[in-house]
N, C-alpha and C. Protein backbone atom coordinates (compact mmCIF):
# COMPACT_ATOMS: atom_id res chain seq x y z
N MET A 1 78.05 -286.86 70.62
CA MET A 1 79.08 -287.65 70.63
C MET A 1 78.63 -288.98 71.18
N LYS A 2 78.89 -290.06 71.09
CA LYS A 2 78.26 -291.55 71.79
C LYS A 2 79.35 -291.57 72.31
N HIS A 3 80.93 -291.32 71.65
CA HIS A 3 82.05 -292.10 73.48
C HIS A 3 82.14 -291.12 74.40
N LYS A 4 81.71 -290.23 74.10
CA LYS A 4 81.80 -289.12 75.94
C LYS A 4 83.62 -289.25 76.25
N PRO A 5 84.08 -288.18 75.13
CA PRO A 5 85.32 -287.94 75.33
C PRO A 5 85.30 -287.30 76.63
N THR A 6 86.81 -286.74 77.30
CA THR A 6 86.55 -285.70 78.54
C THR A 6 86.79 -284.41 77.85
N LEU A 7 86.09 -283.65 78.88
CA LEU A 7 85.91 -282.40 78.33
C LEU A 7 87.38 -281.98 78.82
N PHE A 8 87.13 -280.49 78.05
CA PHE A 8 88.71 -279.84 78.20
C PHE A 8 88.41 -278.33 78.67
N THR A 9 88.44 -277.70 80.20
CA THR A 9 88.46 -276.50 80.33
C THR A 9 89.61 -275.56 80.23
N GLY A 10 90.79 -275.61 79.56
CA GLY A 10 91.36 -274.92 79.44
C GLY A 10 92.22 -274.65 81.02
N GLY A 11 93.18 -274.08 81.05
CA GLY A 11 93.92 -273.56 82.26
C GLY A 11 95.31 -274.11 82.11
N TYR A 12 96.15 -273.93 83.17
CA TYR A 12 97.49 -275.17 82.40
C TYR A 12 97.12 -276.20 83.43
N ALA A 13 96.79 -276.60 82.20
CA ALA A 13 96.84 -278.63 82.92
C ALA A 13 97.17 -279.61 81.66
N PRO A 14 98.64 -279.74 81.60
CA PRO A 14 99.15 -280.33 80.71
C PRO A 14 98.78 -281.40 80.05
N GLU A 15 98.74 -282.10 81.54
CA GLU A 15 98.05 -283.23 81.34
C GLU A 15 96.53 -283.62 80.80
N GLY A 16 96.04 -282.68 81.64
CA GLY A 16 94.27 -283.23 81.21
C GLY A 16 94.24 -282.62 79.36
N ALA A 17 95.22 -281.70 78.91
CA ALA A 17 95.63 -281.50 77.44
C ALA A 17 95.32 -282.43 76.85
N ILE A 18 96.46 -283.19 77.14
CA ILE A 18 97.44 -284.41 76.17
C ILE A 18 96.24 -285.48 76.40
N LYS A 19 95.50 -285.79 77.65
CA LYS A 19 94.48 -287.03 77.72
C LYS A 19 93.59 -286.22 76.24
N CYS A 20 92.69 -285.72 76.94
CA CYS A 20 91.41 -285.11 76.41
C CYS A 20 92.10 -285.30 74.34
N VAL A 21 93.25 -284.75 74.20
CA VAL A 21 93.41 -284.59 72.62
C VAL A 21 93.75 -286.59 72.49
N GLU A 22 94.39 -287.32 72.95
CA GLU A 22 94.55 -288.66 72.89
C GLU A 22 93.55 -289.19 72.87
N GLU A 23 92.50 -288.79 73.57
CA GLU A 23 91.00 -289.38 73.59
C GLU A 23 90.00 -289.05 71.95
N VAL A 24 90.48 -287.99 71.65
CA VAL A 24 89.43 -287.18 70.55
C VAL A 24 90.64 -288.22 69.48
N GLU A 25 91.62 -288.22 69.29
CA GLU A 25 92.38 -288.52 67.78
C GLU A 25 91.34 -290.23 67.81
N ILE A 26 91.08 -291.02 69.39
CA ILE A 26 91.16 -292.37 69.03
C ILE A 26 89.41 -292.59 68.43
N ILE A 27 88.83 -291.33 69.06
CA ILE A 27 87.49 -291.11 68.15
C ILE A 27 87.82 -291.43 67.06
N PHE A 28 88.35 -290.09 66.88
CA PHE A 28 88.42 -289.82 65.21
C PHE A 28 88.59 -290.78 64.18
N GLU A 29 89.74 -291.98 64.69
CA GLU A 29 90.24 -292.61 64.02
C GLU A 29 88.70 -294.18 63.83
N VAL A 30 88.44 -294.36 65.07
CA VAL A 30 87.12 -295.34 64.90
C VAL A 30 86.28 -294.56 64.19
N MET A 31 85.79 -293.16 63.91
CA MET A 31 84.96 -293.15 63.45
C MET A 31 85.00 -292.49 61.98
N GLY A 32 86.62 -292.70 61.68
CA GLY A 32 86.88 -292.94 60.01
C GLY A 32 86.45 -291.37 59.68
N CYS A 33 86.86 -290.02 60.80
CA CYS A 33 86.90 -288.86 60.60
C CYS A 33 88.06 -288.17 59.27
N THR A 34 87.40 -287.57 58.27
CA THR A 34 88.02 -286.59 57.51
C THR A 34 89.05 -285.94 58.28
N GLU A 35 90.34 -285.27 57.55
CA GLU A 35 90.66 -284.03 58.17
C GLU A 35 89.67 -283.02 58.26
N GLU A 36 89.36 -282.82 57.08
CA GLU A 36 87.85 -281.49 57.36
C GLU A 36 87.16 -281.37 58.71
N ASN A 37 86.57 -282.39 59.25
CA ASN A 37 86.08 -282.83 60.39
C ASN A 37 86.35 -283.09 61.43
N ASN A 38 88.05 -282.93 61.43
CA ASN A 38 88.85 -283.15 63.06
C ASN A 38 88.58 -281.70 63.31
N ILE A 39 89.03 -280.91 63.12
CA ILE A 39 88.32 -279.19 63.48
C ILE A 39 87.22 -279.37 64.71
N THR A 40 86.04 -279.80 63.84
CA THR A 40 84.89 -279.16 64.29
C THR A 40 84.70 -279.73 65.40
N LEU A 41 84.82 -281.03 64.70
CA LEU A 41 84.52 -282.19 65.77
C LEU A 41 85.52 -282.04 67.04
N GLY A 42 86.57 -281.63 67.33
CA GLY A 42 87.58 -281.67 68.16
C GLY A 42 87.12 -280.61 69.37
N THR A 43 86.93 -279.45 68.75
CA THR A 43 86.69 -278.45 68.85
C THR A 43 84.68 -278.61 70.12
N TYR A 44 84.56 -279.30 69.74
CA TYR A 44 83.20 -280.01 70.71
C TYR A 44 83.75 -280.11 72.31
N VAL A 45 84.77 -281.05 71.93
CA VAL A 45 85.08 -280.74 74.22
C VAL A 45 85.42 -279.78 74.45
N LEU A 46 85.44 -278.52 73.81
CA LEU A 46 86.12 -277.85 74.63
C LEU A 46 85.56 -276.29 75.15
N ARG A 47 85.67 -276.67 76.81
CA ARG A 47 84.86 -275.90 77.56
C ARG A 47 85.78 -274.79 77.97
N GLU A 48 84.88 -273.78 78.63
CA GLU A 48 85.11 -272.64 79.63
C GLU A 48 86.23 -272.08 79.07
N ASP A 49 87.01 -271.78 79.58
CA ASP A 49 88.59 -270.89 79.06
C ASP A 49 89.00 -271.28 77.66
N ALA A 50 89.18 -272.82 77.47
CA ALA A 50 89.32 -273.64 76.34
C ALA A 50 88.68 -272.85 75.10
N ASN A 51 87.08 -273.00 75.30
CA ASN A 51 86.26 -272.76 74.25
C ASN A 51 86.39 -271.13 74.12
N GLN A 52 86.39 -270.33 74.61
CA GLN A 52 86.97 -269.06 74.69
C GLN A 52 88.57 -268.98 74.05
N TRP A 53 89.35 -269.59 74.28
CA TRP A 53 90.27 -269.28 73.27
C TRP A 53 90.20 -269.82 72.00
N TRP A 54 89.86 -270.80 71.95
CA TRP A 54 89.47 -271.09 70.46
C TRP A 54 88.56 -270.15 70.04
N LYS A 55 87.72 -269.57 70.32
CA LYS A 55 86.66 -268.49 69.32
C LYS A 55 88.05 -267.41 68.92
N ASN A 56 88.62 -267.30 70.22
CA ASN A 56 89.67 -266.41 69.75
C ASN A 56 90.48 -266.63 68.67
N ALA A 57 91.28 -267.18 68.65
CA ALA A 57 91.80 -268.32 67.93
C ALA A 57 91.48 -268.21 66.51
N LYS A 58 89.88 -268.78 65.95
CA LYS A 58 89.11 -268.49 64.80
C LYS A 58 89.32 -267.09 64.48
N LEU A 59 88.99 -265.81 65.40
CA LEU A 59 88.82 -264.31 64.85
C LEU A 59 89.84 -264.21 64.49
N ARG A 60 91.39 -264.25 64.95
CA ARG A 60 93.18 -263.85 64.06
C ARG A 60 92.92 -264.97 62.92
N MET A 61 91.84 -266.11 62.98
CA MET A 61 92.41 -266.50 61.41
C MET A 61 91.57 -265.77 59.95
N GLY A 62 92.68 -266.14 58.76
CA GLY A 62 91.97 -265.19 58.18
C GLY A 62 91.15 -266.73 57.33
N ALA A 63 90.94 -265.84 55.38
CA ALA A 63 90.48 -267.19 55.10
C ALA A 63 91.62 -268.58 54.93
N GLY A 64 91.14 -269.46 54.71
CA GLY A 64 92.29 -270.61 54.65
C GLY A 64 92.56 -271.21 55.97
N GLY A 65 92.51 -270.40 57.16
CA GLY A 65 92.94 -270.76 58.03
C GLY A 65 94.10 -270.03 58.06
N ALA A 66 94.69 -268.51 57.52
CA ALA A 66 96.06 -268.37 58.18
C ALA A 66 95.96 -267.41 58.62
N MET A 67 96.95 -267.32 59.58
CA MET A 67 97.20 -266.82 60.47
C MET A 67 97.37 -264.73 60.48
N ILE A 68 96.04 -264.24 60.93
CA ILE A 68 96.52 -262.55 60.70
C ILE A 68 97.54 -261.98 61.76
N THR A 69 98.59 -261.67 61.14
CA THR A 69 99.03 -260.72 62.10
C THR A 69 98.97 -259.41 61.90
């Protein structure tokens, strides 16, 4: 990504998470990203604990993104 958004490492950092999401949303808008690409490109900025959380969340999702309980 040429725009260099803030990387989010996770933990209890609500301000950091909000800043990261806002920056990524601006990039999506400028790039004209489709909804389908938002998740792929958005997860690119996740690192460390945040990336591990995403990997676990994907494992809990079934086909079509439905949560498996």
